[in-house]
Amino acid sequence: MGKKMKITRRQLRSIIKEEKRKLVRENRGRIAAEGALIGELAGLLADLQGIKHELFGLVDPDGKDMGSVYGESLEAKILEIEDWADKLEAHFESMDPPSRT
């Protein structure tokens, strides 16, 4: 039989505290990365909204209003992306540890 390693309560507490610090640091990094991703997505959505508004009023060489057609199509995709972004954000939030209040 191999030797058993013995540790004191103080050592055990120290090990637990260090592991907890590591987990908290990792979690903060994950939360920051998720926040950056959500921020980038929000910026892209804002850009798409701007493009959509620029499309309205476009006409083809025959005088046909194409901006409204393209704008409405783009709006539908923007709404899909916004829905997806909300689901992604909810998922990220569900991964957060419960707060101690």
C-alpha atoms as a PDB file:
ATOM      1  CA  MET A   1       0.000   0.000   0.000  1.00  0.00           C
ATOM      2  CA  GLY A   2       1.206   3.503  -0.881  1.00  0.00           C
ATOM      3  CA  LYS A   3       1.731   6.271   1.582  1.00  0.00           C
ATOM      4  CA  LYS A   4      -1.187   8.570   2.240  1.00  0.00           C
ATOM      5  CA  MET A   5      -0.539  12.276   2.071  1.00  0.00           C
ATOM      6  CA  LYS A   6      -1.787  14.186   5.066  1.00  0.00           C
ATOM      7  CA  ILE A   7      -2.614  17.859   5.018  1.00  0.00           C
ATOM      8  CA  THR A   8      -3.704  20.157   7.757  1.00  0.00           C
ATOM      9  CA  ARG A   9      -7.000  21.997   7.804  1.00  0.00           C
ATOM     10  CA  ARG A  10      -5.120  25.225   7.232  1.00  0.00           C
ATOM     11  CA  GLN A  11      -3.475  23.764   4.102  1.00  0.00           C
ATOM     12  CA  LEU A  12      -6.823  22.463   2.876  1.00  0.00           C
ATOM     13  CA  ARG A  13      -8.442  25.866   3.361  1.00  0.00           C
ATOM     14  CA  SER A  14      -5.571  27.498   1.517  1.00  0.00           C
ATOM     15  CA  ILE A  15      -5.912  25.062  -1.398  1.00  0.00           C
ATOM     16  CA  ILE A  16      -9.661  25.655  -1.570  1.00  0.00           C
ATOM     17  CA  LYS A  17      -9.215  29.449  -1.516  1.00  0.00           C
ATOM     18  CA  GLU A  18      -6.641  29.304  -4.318  1.00  0.00           C
ATOM     19  CA  GLU A  19      -8.849  27.090  -6.475  1.00  0.00           C
ATOM     20  CA  LYS A  20     -11.779  29.431  -5.876  1.00  0.00           C
ATOM     21  CA  ARG A  21      -9.641  32.420  -6.940  1.00  0.00           C
ATOM     22  CA  LYS A  22      -8.705  30.571 -10.146  1.00  0.00           C
ATOM     23  CA  LEU A  23     -12.350  29.829 -10.925  1.00  0.00           C
ATOM     24  CA  VAL A  24     -13.378  33.431 -10.306  1.00  0.00           C
ATOM     25  CA  ARG A  25     -10.583  34.712 -12.606  1.00  0.00           C
ATOM     26  CA  GLU A  26     -11.592  32.287 -15.358  1.00  0.00           C
ATOM     27  CA  ASN A  27     -15.247  33.267 -14.987  1.00  0.00           C
ATOM     28  CA  ARG A  28     -14.435  36.980 -15.219  1.00  0.00           C
ATOM     29  CA  GLY A  29     -12.494  36.353 -18.425  1.00  0.00           C
ATOM     30  CA  ARG A  30     -15.391  34.401 -19.912  1.00  0.00           C
ATOM     31  CA  ILE A  31     -17.903  37.079 -18.949  1.00  0.00           C
ATOM     32  CA  ALA A  32     -15.718  39.807 -20.460  1.00  0.00           C
ATOM     33  CA  ALA A  33     -15.328  37.846 -23.697  1.00  0.00           C
ATOM     34  CA  GLU A  34     -19.073  37.222 -23.890  1.00  0.00           C
ATOM     35  CA  GLY A  35     -19.784  40.902 -23.277  1.00  0.00           C
ATOM     36  CA  ALA A  36     -17.391  41.864 -26.065  1.00  0.00           C
ATOM     37  CA  LEU A  37     -19.112  39.456 -28.458  1.00  0.00           C
ATOM     38  CA  ILE A  38     -22.557  40.803 -27.591  1.00  0.00           C
ATOM     39  CA  GLY A  39     -21.231  44.353 -28.029  1.00  0.00           C
ATOM     40  CA  GLU A  40     -19.811  43.548 -31.457  1.00  0.00           C
ATOM     41  CA  LEU A  41     -23.074  41.938 -32.489  1.00  0.00           C
ATOM     42  CA  ALA A  42     -25.014  45.002 -31.341  1.00  0.00           C
ATOM     43  CA  GLY A  43     -22.675  47.197 -33.405  1.00  0.00           C
ATOM     44  CA  LEU A  44     -23.186  45.047 -36.490  1.00  0.00           C
ATOM     45  CA  LEU A  45     -26.954  45.191 -36.033  1.00  0.00           C
ATOM     46  CA  ALA A  46     -26.798  48.978 -35.779  1.00  0.00           C
ATOM     47  CA  ASP A  47     -24.777  49.083 -39.014  1.00  0.00           C
ATOM     48  CA  LEU A  48     -27.358  46.882 -40.747  1.00  0.00           C
ATOM     49  CA  GLN A  49     -30.167  49.150 -39.534  1.00  0.00           C
ATOM     50  CA  GLY A  50     -28.308  52.115 -41.051  1.00  0.00           C
ATOM     51  CA  ILE A  51     -27.902  50.310 -44.363  1.00  0.00           C
ATOM     52  CA  LYS A  52     -31.590  49.398 -44.322  1.00  0.00           C
ATOM     53  CA  HIS A  53     -32.567  53.058 -43.967  1.00  0.00           C
ATOM     54  CA  GLU A  54     -30.252  54.002 -46.842  1.00  0.00           C
ATOM     55  CA  LEU A  55     -31.910  51.411 -49.098  1.00  0.00           C
ATOM     56  CA  PHE A  56     -35.361  52.966 -48.905  1.00  0.00           C
ATOM     57  CA  GLY A  57     -35.808  55.284 -51.855  1.00  0.00           C
ATOM     58  CA  LEU A  58     -33.489  53.398 -54.202  1.00  0.00           C
ATOM     59  CA  VAL A  59     -34.892  52.983 -57.664  1.00  0.00           C
ATOM     60  CA  ASP A  60     -33.736  50.800 -60.508  1.00  0.00           C
ATOM     61  CA  PRO A  61     -32.998  52.258 -63.984  1.00  0.00           C
ATOM     62  CA  ASP A  62     -36.643  51.716 -64.970  1.00  0.00           C
ATOM     63  CA  GLY A  63     -37.833  53.822 -62.030  1.00  0.00           C
ATOM     64  CA  LYS A  64     -39.086  50.848 -60.032  1.00  0.00           C
ATOM     65  CA  ASP A  65     -38.787  51.225 -56.230  1.00  0.00           C
ATOM     66  CA  MET A  66     -36.279  48.525 -55.279  1.00  0.00           C
ATOM     67  CA  GLY A  67     -35.156  50.086 -52.016  1.00  0.00           C
ATOM     68  CA  SER A  68     -38.347  49.147 -50.240  1.00  0.00           C
ATOM     69  CA  VAL A  69     -38.102  45.554 -51.471  1.00  0.00           C
ATOM     70  CA  TYR A  70     -34.481  45.218 -50.364  1.00  0.00           C
ATOM     71  CA  GLY A  71     -35.113  47.185 -47.178  1.00  0.00           C
ATOM     72  CA  GLU A  72     -37.988  44.946 -46.125  1.00  0.00           C
ATOM     73  CA  SER A  73     -35.959  41.835 -46.871  1.00  0.00           C
ATOM     74  CA  LEU A  74     -33.045  43.193 -44.849  1.00  0.00           C
ATOM     75  CA  GLU A  75     -35.400  44.146 -41.996  1.00  0.00           C
ATOM     76  CA  ALA A  76     -36.653  40.547 -41.819  1.00  0.00           C
ATOM     77  CA  LYS A  77     -33.077  39.271 -41.512  1.00  0.00           C
ATOM     78  CA  ILE A  78     -32.248  41.907 -38.905  1.00  0.00           C
ATOM     79  CA  LEU A  79     -35.204  40.754 -36.812  1.00  0.00           C
ATOM     80  CA  GLU A  80     -33.987  37.138 -37.069  1.00  0.00           C
ATOM     81  CA  ILE A  81     -30.495  38.167 -35.978  1.00  0.00           C
ATOM     82  CA  GLU A  82     -31.871  40.228 -33.073  1.00  0.00           C
ATOM     83  CA  ASP A  83     -33.894  37.225 -31.924  1.00  0.00           C
ATOM     84  CA  TRP A  84     -30.787  35.047 -32.148  1.00  0.00           C
ATOM     85  CA  ALA A  85     -28.759  37.673 -30.235  1.00  0.00           C
ATOM     86  CA  ASP A  86     -31.361  37.704 -27.440  1.00  0.00           C
ATOM     87  CA  LYS A  87     -31.171  33.909 -27.188  1.00  0.00           C
ATOM     88  CA  LEU A  88     -27.367  34.031 -27.152  1.00  0.00           C
ATOM     89  CA  GLU A  89     -27.334  36.645 -24.410  1.00  0.00           C
ATOM     90  CA  ALA A  90     -29.824  34.619 -22.346  1.00  0.00           C
ATOM     91  CA  HIS A  91     -27.583  31.572 -22.762  1.00  0.00           C
ATOM     92  CA  PHE A  92     -24.518  33.521 -21.631  1.00  0.00           C
ATOM     93  CA  GLU A  93     -26.414  34.814 -18.603  1.00  0.00           C
ATOM     94  CA  SER A  94     -27.565  31.285 -17.736  1.00  0.00           C
ATOM     95  CA  MET A  95     -23.915  30.260 -17.563  1.00  0.00           C
ATOM     96  CA  ASP A  96     -23.142  32.873 -14.903  1.00  0.00           C
ATOM     97  CA  PRO A  97     -22.893  31.620 -11.333  1.00  0.00           C
ATOM     98  CA  PRO A  98     -25.761  32.630  -9.066  1.00  0.00           C
ATOM     99  CA  SER A  99     -25.128  35.927  -7.322  1.00  0.00           C
ATOM    100  CA  ARG A 100     -24.928  36.020  -3.573  1.00  0.00           C
ATOM    101  CA  THR A 101     -27.308  38.740  -2.453  1.00  0.00           C
END
